[in-house]
C-alpha cells in the first residue's frame, strides 16, 4: 500500500489553500466595488455642488438682467465658487480612484505571480468612472457658460 498522495483526491491542505486563494480573489472584487461606492459618493456631492452653484448663478443673473436686482455680484460669485468646488472635488475623486485602482491591480498581479490567488477574473470597466468623467465635462461646460457666456448652458 502506497502513502503517496493521489492527484484525483485532494488533500485537506490543498483544499484549504484553494479556498483561501478564492476568498482572497473575491476580496479584491469587494474592494474594487467599495472604491466605486466611494467614487459614487464623490459624484453625488459634486453633482449637488455644481447643480446648486449653477442654479444660484443663473437665478441672480436673471434678476440682474431684468433690473430687479442691481447688486447680485456676490451671489453670482458664490454660485461660481460652488461650481468650482464641485469640479475640484470631482477631479480629486477621479485621481484618487485611478491611483487606488492602479495600486490594487499591482498588488493583485504580484499575488497572482506568487501563486497566492488565481487572478482569472478581470476588473471590468467602471461605469462609475465613466459617469464621473461625464459629470466633469458637464462641470467644465457650466464654468465656461458662467465665465465666458459660451457653450450649451449659456
N, C-alpha and C. Protein backbone atom coordinates (compact mmCIF):
# COMPACT_ATOMS: atom_id res chain seq x y z
N UNK A 1 0.84 -1.17 0.00
CA UNK A 1 0.00 0.00 0.00
C UNK A 1 0.89 1.24 0.00
N UNK A 2 0.65 2.15 -0.94
CA UNK A 2 1.47 3.35 -1.08
C UNK A 2 0.82 4.50 -0.32
N UNK A 3 1.68 5.37 0.27
CA UNK A 3 1.19 6.52 1.01
C UNK A 3 1.41 7.83 0.26
N UNK A 4 1.66 7.77 -1.03
CA UNK A 4 1.82 9.00 -1.82
C UNK A 4 0.45 9.56 -2.16
N UNK A 5 0.34 10.89 -2.17
CA UNK A 5 -0.97 11.49 -2.46
C UNK A 5 -1.39 11.24 -3.90
N UNK A 6 -2.65 10.96 -4.08
CA UNK A 6 -3.23 10.73 -5.40
C UNK A 6 -3.82 12.06 -5.89
N UNK A 7 -3.49 12.48 -7.11
CA UNK A 7 -3.94 13.76 -7.66
C UNK A 7 -5.46 13.81 -7.79
N UNK A 8 -6.08 12.64 -7.90
CA UNK A 8 -7.54 12.62 -8.04
C UNK A 8 -8.24 12.96 -6.73
N UNK A 9 -7.55 12.78 -5.62
CA UNK A 9 -8.14 13.02 -4.31
C UNK A 9 -7.34 14.09 -3.58
N UNK A 10 -7.82 15.33 -3.62
CA UNK A 10 -7.07 16.42 -2.99
C UNK A 10 -7.00 16.24 -1.48
N UNK A 11 -5.89 16.71 -0.95
CA UNK A 11 -5.70 16.64 0.49
C UNK A 11 -6.41 17.81 1.16
N UNK A 12 -6.51 17.73 2.47
CA UNK A 12 -7.15 18.82 3.22
C UNK A 12 -6.36 20.11 3.06
N UNK A 13 -5.03 19.99 3.00
CA UNK A 13 -4.19 21.19 2.83
C UNK A 13 -4.43 21.84 1.48
N UNK A 14 -4.51 21.04 0.41
CA UNK A 14 -4.70 21.63 -0.92
C UNK A 14 -6.09 22.26 -1.03
N UNK A 15 -7.07 21.68 -0.40
CA UNK A 15 -8.41 22.26 -0.41
C UNK A 15 -8.41 23.59 0.35
N UNK A 16 -7.74 23.62 1.49
CA UNK A 16 -7.66 24.84 2.28
C UNK A 16 -6.96 25.96 1.52
N UNK A 17 -5.87 25.62 0.82
CA UNK A 17 -5.14 26.62 0.04
C UNK A 17 -6.01 27.14 -1.10
N UNK A 18 -6.72 26.23 -1.76
CA UNK A 18 -7.60 26.63 -2.86
C UNK A 18 -8.71 27.57 -2.37
N UNK A 19 -9.33 27.22 -1.27
CA UNK A 19 -10.39 28.07 -0.72
C UNK A 19 -9.86 29.44 -0.30
N UNK A 20 -8.68 29.44 0.28
CA UNK A 20 -8.08 30.71 0.69
C UNK A 20 -7.77 31.59 -0.52
N UNK A 21 -7.26 31.00 -1.59
CA UNK A 21 -6.97 31.76 -2.80
C UNK A 21 -8.25 32.34 -3.40
N UNK A 22 -9.32 31.55 -3.37
CA UNK A 22 -10.60 32.04 -3.91
C UNK A 22 -11.16 33.17 -3.05
N UNK A 23 -11.06 33.04 -1.73
CA UNK A 23 -11.54 34.11 -0.85
C UNK A 23 -10.75 35.39 -1.06
N UNK A 24 -9.45 35.26 -1.22
CA UNK A 24 -8.62 36.45 -1.44
C UNK A 24 -8.98 37.10 -2.78
N UNK A 25 -9.21 36.30 -3.80
CA UNK A 25 -9.62 36.84 -5.10
C UNK A 25 -10.95 37.57 -5.00
N UNK A 26 -11.88 37.01 -4.25
CA UNK A 26 -13.17 37.67 -4.06
C UNK A 26 -13.02 38.96 -3.27
N UNK A 27 -12.08 38.99 -2.34
CA UNK A 27 -11.89 40.22 -1.55
C UNK A 27 -11.39 41.36 -2.44
N UNK A 28 -10.65 41.05 -3.49
CA UNK A 28 -10.23 42.09 -4.44
C UNK A 28 -11.44 42.68 -5.14
N UNK A 29 -12.39 41.81 -5.51
CA UNK A 29 -13.60 42.31 -6.17
C UNK A 29 -14.42 43.18 -5.21
N UNK A 30 -14.51 42.76 -3.95
CA UNK A 30 -15.25 43.57 -2.97
C UNK A 30 -14.57 44.91 -2.74
N UNK A 31 -13.26 44.92 -2.71
CA UNK A 31 -12.52 46.17 -2.52
C UNK A 31 -12.72 47.10 -3.71
N UNK A 32 -12.74 46.54 -4.91
CA UNK A 32 -12.97 47.35 -6.11
C UNK A 32 -14.36 47.97 -6.07
N UNK A 33 -15.35 47.17 -5.69
CA UNK A 33 -16.72 47.69 -5.61
C UNK A 33 -16.84 48.74 -4.51
N UNK A 34 -16.12 48.57 -3.44
CA UNK A 34 -16.13 49.57 -2.37
C UNK A 34 -15.54 50.89 -2.86
N UNK A 35 -14.47 50.82 -3.64
CA UNK A 35 -13.87 52.03 -4.20
C UNK A 35 -14.87 52.72 -5.15
N UNK A 36 -15.62 51.93 -5.91
CA UNK A 36 -16.65 52.51 -6.79
C UNK A 36 -17.74 53.22 -5.97
N UNK A 37 -18.11 52.63 -4.85
CA UNK A 37 -19.12 53.28 -4.00
C UNK A 37 -18.59 54.60 -3.44
N UNK A 38 -17.31 54.63 -3.11
CA UNK A 38 -16.72 55.88 -2.64
C UNK A 38 -16.75 56.94 -3.74
N UNK A 39 -16.43 56.54 -4.96
CA UNK A 39 -16.50 57.48 -6.08
C UNK A 39 -17.94 57.94 -6.32
N UNK A 40 -18.91 57.05 -6.12
CA UNK A 40 -20.31 57.45 -6.26
C UNK A 40 -20.68 58.53 -5.23
N UNK A 41 -20.13 58.43 -4.04
CA UNK A 41 -20.38 59.46 -3.03
C UNK A 41 -19.79 60.80 -3.47
N UNK A 42 -18.61 60.75 -4.04
CA UNK A 42 -17.98 61.98 -4.55
C UNK A 42 -18.82 62.56 -5.68
N UNK A 43 -19.30 61.70 -6.57
CA UNK A 43 -20.15 62.15 -7.68
C UNK A 43 -21.40 62.82 -7.15
N UNK A 44 -22.05 62.19 -6.18
CA UNK A 44 -23.29 62.74 -5.63
C UNK A 44 -23.06 64.13 -5.03
N UNK A 45 -21.98 64.27 -4.26
CA UNK A 45 -21.69 65.57 -3.65
C UNK A 45 -21.31 66.60 -4.70
N UNK A 46 -20.49 66.21 -5.66
CA UNK A 46 -20.08 67.13 -6.73
C UNK A 46 -21.27 67.58 -7.56
N UNK A 47 -22.14 66.65 -7.88
CA UNK A 47 -23.32 66.99 -8.66
C UNK A 47 -24.19 68.00 -7.91
N UNK A 48 -24.33 67.81 -6.62
CA UNK A 48 -25.10 68.77 -5.82
C UNK A 48 -24.46 70.15 -5.84
N UNK A 49 -23.15 70.20 -5.63
CA UNK A 49 -22.46 71.49 -5.63
C UNK A 49 -22.54 72.18 -6.98
N UNK A 50 -22.31 71.43 -8.05
CA UNK A 50 -22.35 72.01 -9.39
C UNK A 50 -23.78 72.47 -9.72
N UNK A 51 -24.75 71.63 -9.42
CA UNK A 51 -26.15 71.98 -9.71
C UNK A 51 -26.63 73.18 -8.93
N UNK A 52 -26.37 73.19 -7.62
CA UNK A 52 -26.79 74.34 -6.81
C UNK A 52 -26.05 75.60 -7.22
N UNK A 53 -24.76 75.49 -7.45
CA UNK A 53 -23.98 76.66 -7.84
C UNK A 53 -24.45 77.26 -9.15
N UNK A 54 -24.69 76.39 -10.13
CA UNK A 54 -25.14 76.88 -11.43
C UNK A 54 -26.53 77.51 -11.32
N UNK A 55 -27.40 76.90 -10.53
CA UNK A 55 -28.75 77.44 -10.35
C UNK A 55 -28.72 78.80 -9.65
N UNK A 56 -27.93 78.91 -8.61
CA UNK A 56 -27.81 80.19 -7.90
C UNK A 56 -27.27 81.26 -8.84
N UNK A 57 -26.23 80.91 -9.59
CA UNK A 57 -25.64 81.87 -10.53
C UNK A 57 -26.68 82.33 -11.55
N UNK A 58 -27.40 81.38 -12.16
CA UNK A 58 -28.37 81.73 -13.19
C UNK A 58 -29.53 82.54 -12.62
N UNK A 59 -29.98 82.20 -11.42
CA UNK A 59 -31.09 82.92 -10.79
C UNK A 59 -30.74 84.39 -10.58
N UNK A 60 -29.59 84.64 -10.01
CA UNK A 60 -29.21 86.02 -9.75
C UNK A 60 -28.80 86.76 -11.03
N UNK A 61 -28.33 86.01 -12.01
CA UNK A 61 -28.02 86.63 -13.30
C UNK A 61 -29.30 87.11 -13.97
N UNK A 62 -30.35 86.32 -13.91
CA UNK A 62 -31.65 86.71 -14.49
C UNK A 62 -32.25 87.90 -13.74
N UNK A 63 -32.10 87.91 -12.41
CA UNK A 63 -32.59 89.06 -11.65
C UNK A 63 -31.84 90.33 -12.04
N UNK A 64 -30.55 90.23 -12.25
CA UNK A 64 -29.76 91.40 -12.65
C UNK A 64 -30.15 91.87 -14.04
N UNK A 65 -30.33 90.92 -14.96
CA UNK A 65 -30.71 91.28 -16.33
C UNK A 65 -32.09 91.93 -16.40
N UNK A 66 -33.00 91.51 -15.54
CA UNK A 66 -34.35 92.08 -15.57
C UNK A 66 -34.43 93.42 -14.84
N UNK A 67 -33.36 93.79 -14.15
CA UNK A 67 -33.35 95.06 -13.44
C UNK A 67 -33.96 94.98 -12.05
N UNK A 68 -34.39 93.80 -11.64
CA UNK A 68 -34.98 93.63 -10.31
C UNK A 68 -33.94 93.82 -9.22
N UNK A 69 -32.72 93.40 -9.52
CA UNK A 69 -31.64 93.47 -8.53
C UNK A 69 -30.41 94.04 -9.23
N UNK A 70 -29.80 95.02 -8.63
CA UNK A 70 -28.64 95.64 -9.27
C UNK A 70 -27.32 95.14 -8.69
N UNK A 71 -27.32 94.67 -7.47
CA UNK A 71 -26.08 94.23 -6.82
C UNK A 71 -26.13 92.72 -6.56
N UNK A 72 -26.00 91.95 -7.61
CA UNK A 72 -26.07 90.49 -7.49
C UNK A 72 -24.71 89.84 -7.65
N UNK A 73 -23.64 90.63 -7.66
CA UNK A 73 -22.31 90.07 -7.92
C UNK A 73 -21.89 89.07 -6.85
N UNK A 74 -22.13 89.37 -5.58
CA UNK A 74 -21.70 88.46 -4.50
C UNK A 74 -22.41 87.12 -4.62
N UNK A 75 -23.68 87.13 -4.91
CA UNK A 75 -24.45 85.89 -5.04
C UNK A 75 -24.00 85.09 -6.26
N UNK A 76 -23.73 85.80 -7.35
CA UNK A 76 -23.23 85.11 -8.55
C UNK A 76 -21.87 84.51 -8.27
N UNK A 77 -21.01 85.22 -7.56
CA UNK A 77 -19.68 84.69 -7.22
C UNK A 77 -19.81 83.46 -6.32
N UNK A 78 -20.76 83.50 -5.40
CA UNK A 78 -21.00 82.35 -4.53
C UNK A 78 -21.39 81.13 -5.36
N UNK A 79 -22.28 81.33 -6.33
CA UNK A 79 -22.67 80.24 -7.22
C UNK A 79 -21.50 79.70 -8.01
N UNK A 80 -20.66 80.60 -8.50
CA UNK A 80 -19.48 80.17 -9.26
C UNK A 80 -18.51 79.40 -8.38
N UNK A 81 -18.34 79.84 -7.14
CA UNK A 81 -17.45 79.14 -6.21
C UNK A 81 -17.97 77.73 -5.94
N UNK A 82 -19.29 77.57 -5.80
CA UNK A 82 -19.84 76.23 -5.59
C UNK A 82 -19.55 75.31 -6.78
N UNK A 83 -19.69 75.83 -7.99
CA UNK A 83 -19.40 75.03 -9.18
C UNK A 83 -17.92 74.66 -9.22
N UNK A 84 -17.05 75.62 -8.95
CA UNK A 84 -15.61 75.35 -8.95
C UNK A 84 -15.26 74.32 -7.89
N UNK A 85 -15.85 74.45 -6.72
CA UNK A 85 -15.62 73.48 -5.65
C UNK A 85 -16.08 72.08 -6.05
N UNK A 86 -17.25 71.99 -6.68
CA UNK A 86 -17.75 70.70 -7.15
C UNK A 86 -16.84 70.06 -8.18
N UNK A 87 -16.34 70.87 -9.12
CA UNK A 87 -15.44 70.35 -10.15
C UNK A 87 -14.11 69.91 -9.53
N UNK A 88 -13.58 70.72 -8.63
CA UNK A 88 -12.31 70.35 -7.97
C UNK A 88 -12.46 69.06 -7.16
N UNK A 89 -13.57 68.95 -6.45
CA UNK A 89 -13.81 67.74 -5.67
C UNK A 89 -13.90 66.52 -6.58
N UNK A 90 -14.52 66.66 -7.73
CA UNK A 90 -14.64 65.56 -8.67
C UNK A 90 -13.28 65.18 -9.26
N UNK A 91 -12.46 66.17 -9.57
CA UNK A 91 -11.11 65.89 -10.09
C UNK A 91 -10.31 65.10 -9.06
N UNK A 92 -10.35 65.53 -7.80
CA UNK A 92 -9.62 64.82 -6.75
C UNK A 92 -10.17 63.40 -6.58
N UNK A 93 -11.48 63.23 -6.63
CA UNK A 93 -12.08 61.91 -6.52
C UNK A 93 -11.68 60.98 -7.64
N UNK A 94 -11.65 61.50 -8.86
CA UNK A 94 -11.25 60.70 -10.02
C UNK A 94 -9.78 60.31 -9.91
N UNK A 95 -8.93 61.27 -9.56
CA UNK A 95 -7.50 60.96 -9.42
C UNK A 95 -7.25 59.94 -8.32
N UNK A 96 -7.95 60.08 -7.19
CA UNK A 96 -7.81 59.12 -6.11
C UNK A 96 -8.24 57.73 -6.57
N UNK A 97 -9.37 57.65 -7.28
CA UNK A 97 -9.87 56.36 -7.77
C UNK A 97 -8.87 55.72 -8.72
N UNK A 98 -8.31 56.50 -9.64
CA UNK A 98 -7.34 55.95 -10.58
C UNK A 98 -6.09 55.44 -9.85
N UNK A 99 -5.60 56.21 -8.90
CA UNK A 99 -4.42 55.81 -8.14
C UNK A 99 -4.70 54.56 -7.31
N UNK A 100 -5.84 54.52 -6.66
CA UNK A 100 -6.20 53.38 -5.83
C UNK A 100 -6.33 52.12 -6.66
N UNK A 101 -7.01 52.22 -7.81
CA UNK A 101 -7.21 51.05 -8.66
C UNK A 101 -5.89 50.57 -9.26
N UNK A 102 -5.00 51.48 -9.58
CA UNK A 102 -3.69 51.09 -10.10
C UNK A 102 -2.92 50.31 -9.03
N UNK A 103 -2.95 50.77 -7.80
CA UNK A 103 -2.29 50.05 -6.71
C UNK A 103 -2.93 48.70 -6.46
N UNK A 104 -4.26 48.62 -6.53
CA UNK A 104 -4.95 47.36 -6.32
C UNK A 104 -4.61 46.36 -7.43
N UNK A 105 -4.56 46.83 -8.66
CA UNK A 105 -4.18 45.94 -9.77
C UNK A 105 -2.74 45.45 -9.61
N UNK A 106 -1.86 46.34 -9.19
CA UNK A 106 -0.45 45.98 -8.99
C UNK A 106 -0.33 44.91 -7.90
N UNK A 107 -1.01 45.11 -6.79
CA UNK A 107 -0.98 44.14 -5.70
C UNK A 107 -1.57 42.80 -6.15
N UNK A 108 -2.63 42.85 -6.92
CA UNK A 108 -3.27 41.63 -7.43
C UNK A 108 -2.33 40.89 -8.36
N UNK A 109 -1.63 41.62 -9.23
CA UNK A 109 -0.67 40.98 -10.14
C UNK A 109 0.47 40.33 -9.37
N UNK A 110 0.96 41.00 -8.32
CA UNK A 110 2.03 40.42 -7.50
C UNK A 110 1.58 39.12 -6.84
N UNK A 111 0.36 39.14 -6.30
CA UNK A 111 -0.16 37.95 -5.63
C UNK A 111 -0.42 36.83 -6.63
N UNK A 112 -0.78 37.18 -7.85
CA UNK A 112 -1.00 36.16 -8.89
C UNK A 112 0.32 35.50 -9.27
N UNK A 113 1.37 36.31 -9.41
CA UNK A 113 2.69 35.77 -9.74
C UNK A 113 3.20 34.85 -8.63
N UNK A 114 2.94 35.23 -7.39
CA UNK A 114 3.37 34.42 -6.25
C UNK A 114 2.51 33.17 -6.06
N UNK A 115 1.42 33.07 -6.82
CA UNK A 115 0.56 31.90 -6.73
C UNK A 115 -0.41 31.95 -5.56
N UNK A 116 -0.59 33.11 -4.96
CA UNK A 116 -1.49 33.22 -3.82
C UNK A 116 -2.95 33.33 -4.24
N UNK A 117 -3.18 33.82 -5.45
CA UNK A 117 -4.54 33.90 -6.00
C UNK A 117 -4.49 33.46 -7.44
N UNK A 118 -5.65 33.14 -7.99
CA UNK A 118 -5.72 32.72 -9.39
C UNK A 118 -5.70 33.93 -10.32
N UNK A 119 -6.45 34.96 -9.99
CA UNK A 119 -6.48 36.18 -10.80
C UNK A 119 -7.08 35.98 -12.16
N UNK A 120 -8.05 35.05 -12.26
CA UNK A 120 -8.66 34.78 -13.56
C UNK A 120 -9.72 35.81 -13.92
N UNK A 121 -10.42 36.34 -12.91
CA UNK A 121 -11.43 37.35 -13.20
C UNK A 121 -10.74 38.68 -13.45
N UNK A 122 -11.32 39.45 -14.35
CA UNK A 122 -10.71 40.74 -14.68
C UNK A 122 -11.45 41.86 -13.99
N UNK A 123 -10.84 43.03 -13.96
CA UNK A 123 -11.50 44.21 -13.43
C UNK A 123 -12.22 44.87 -14.61
N UNK A 124 -13.54 44.81 -14.63
CA UNK A 124 -14.26 45.41 -15.76
C UNK A 124 -14.19 46.93 -15.74
N UNK A 125 -14.60 47.53 -16.84
CA UNK A 125 -14.64 48.98 -16.93
C UNK A 125 -15.60 49.49 -15.87
N UNK A 126 -15.20 50.53 -15.18
CA UNK A 126 -16.02 51.09 -14.12
C UNK A 126 -17.00 52.10 -14.72
N UNK A 127 -18.28 51.75 -14.69
CA UNK A 127 -19.30 52.69 -15.18
C UNK A 127 -19.36 53.92 -14.29
N UNK A 128 -18.99 53.76 -13.04
CA UNK A 128 -18.95 54.89 -12.13
C UNK A 128 -17.91 55.90 -12.59
N UNK A 129 -16.77 55.41 -13.06
CA UNK A 129 -15.73 56.30 -13.57
C UNK A 129 -16.20 57.02 -14.84
N UNK A 130 -16.91 56.32 -15.69
CA UNK A 130 -17.44 56.95 -16.91
C UNK A 130 -18.41 58.08 -16.55
N UNK A 131 -19.29 57.82 -15.60
CA UNK A 131 -20.24 58.85 -15.16
C UNK A 131 -19.49 60.03 -14.54
N UNK A 132 -18.44 59.74 -13.76
CA UNK A 132 -17.65 60.82 -13.14
C UNK A 132 -17.00 61.70 -14.20
N UNK A 133 -16.46 61.10 -15.24
CA UNK A 133 -15.81 61.89 -16.30
C UNK A 133 -16.85 62.70 -17.06
N UNK A 134 -18.02 62.12 -17.31
CA UNK A 134 -19.08 62.88 -17.99
C UNK A 134 -19.55 64.06 -17.15
N UNK A 135 -19.68 63.84 -15.84
CA UNK A 135 -20.06 64.94 -14.95
C UNK A 135 -18.97 66.01 -14.92
N UNK A 136 -17.73 65.59 -14.97
CA UNK A 136 -16.62 66.56 -15.01
C UNK A 136 -16.70 67.43 -16.26
N UNK A 137 -17.02 66.83 -17.38
CA UNK A 137 -17.19 67.59 -18.63
C UNK A 137 -18.35 68.57 -18.48
N UNK A 138 -19.45 68.10 -17.88
CA UNK A 138 -20.59 68.98 -17.63
C UNK A 138 -20.21 70.14 -16.71
N UNK A 139 -19.41 69.86 -15.69
CA UNK A 139 -18.94 70.90 -14.78
C UNK A 139 -18.11 71.95 -15.50
N UNK A 140 -17.22 71.50 -16.39
CA UNK A 140 -16.42 72.45 -17.17
C UNK A 140 -17.31 73.27 -18.11
N UNK A 141 -18.33 72.63 -18.67
CA UNK A 141 -19.27 73.37 -19.54
C UNK A 141 -20.02 74.43 -18.74
N UNK A 142 -20.41 74.09 -17.51
CA UNK A 142 -21.10 75.07 -16.66
C UNK A 142 -20.17 76.23 -16.33
N UNK A 143 -18.91 75.92 -16.03
CA UNK A 143 -17.95 77.01 -15.72
C UNK A 143 -17.73 77.89 -16.94
N UNK A 144 -17.61 77.30 -18.13
CA UNK A 144 -17.42 78.08 -19.35
C UNK A 144 -18.64 78.97 -19.61
N UNK A 145 -19.81 78.43 -19.34
CA UNK A 145 -21.04 79.21 -19.52
C UNK A 145 -21.08 80.39 -18.56
N UNK A 146 -20.63 80.18 -17.34
CA UNK A 146 -20.67 81.23 -16.33
C UNK A 146 -19.61 82.31 -16.58
N UNK A 147 -18.42 81.88 -16.96
CA UNK A 147 -17.32 82.83 -17.09
C UNK A 147 -17.33 83.52 -18.45
N UNK A 148 -17.45 82.72 -19.50
CA UNK A 148 -17.31 83.28 -20.86
C UNK A 148 -18.65 83.45 -21.58
N UNK A 149 -19.73 82.99 -20.96
CA UNK A 149 -21.06 83.05 -21.55
C UNK A 149 -21.10 82.35 -22.90
N UNK A 150 -20.45 81.16 -22.96
CA UNK A 150 -20.43 80.35 -24.17
C UNK A 150 -20.88 78.94 -23.82
N UNK A 151 -21.17 78.17 -24.82
CA UNK A 151 -21.49 76.78 -24.62
C UNK A 151 -22.98 76.52 -24.58
N UNK A 152 -23.33 75.26 -24.43
CA UNK A 152 -24.75 74.89 -24.48
C UNK A 152 -25.54 75.34 -23.25
N UNK A 153 -24.87 75.71 -22.19
CA UNK A 153 -25.58 76.08 -20.96
C UNK A 153 -25.76 77.59 -20.79
N UNK A 154 -25.27 78.36 -21.76
CA UNK A 154 -25.35 79.82 -21.60
C UNK A 154 -26.68 80.37 -22.05
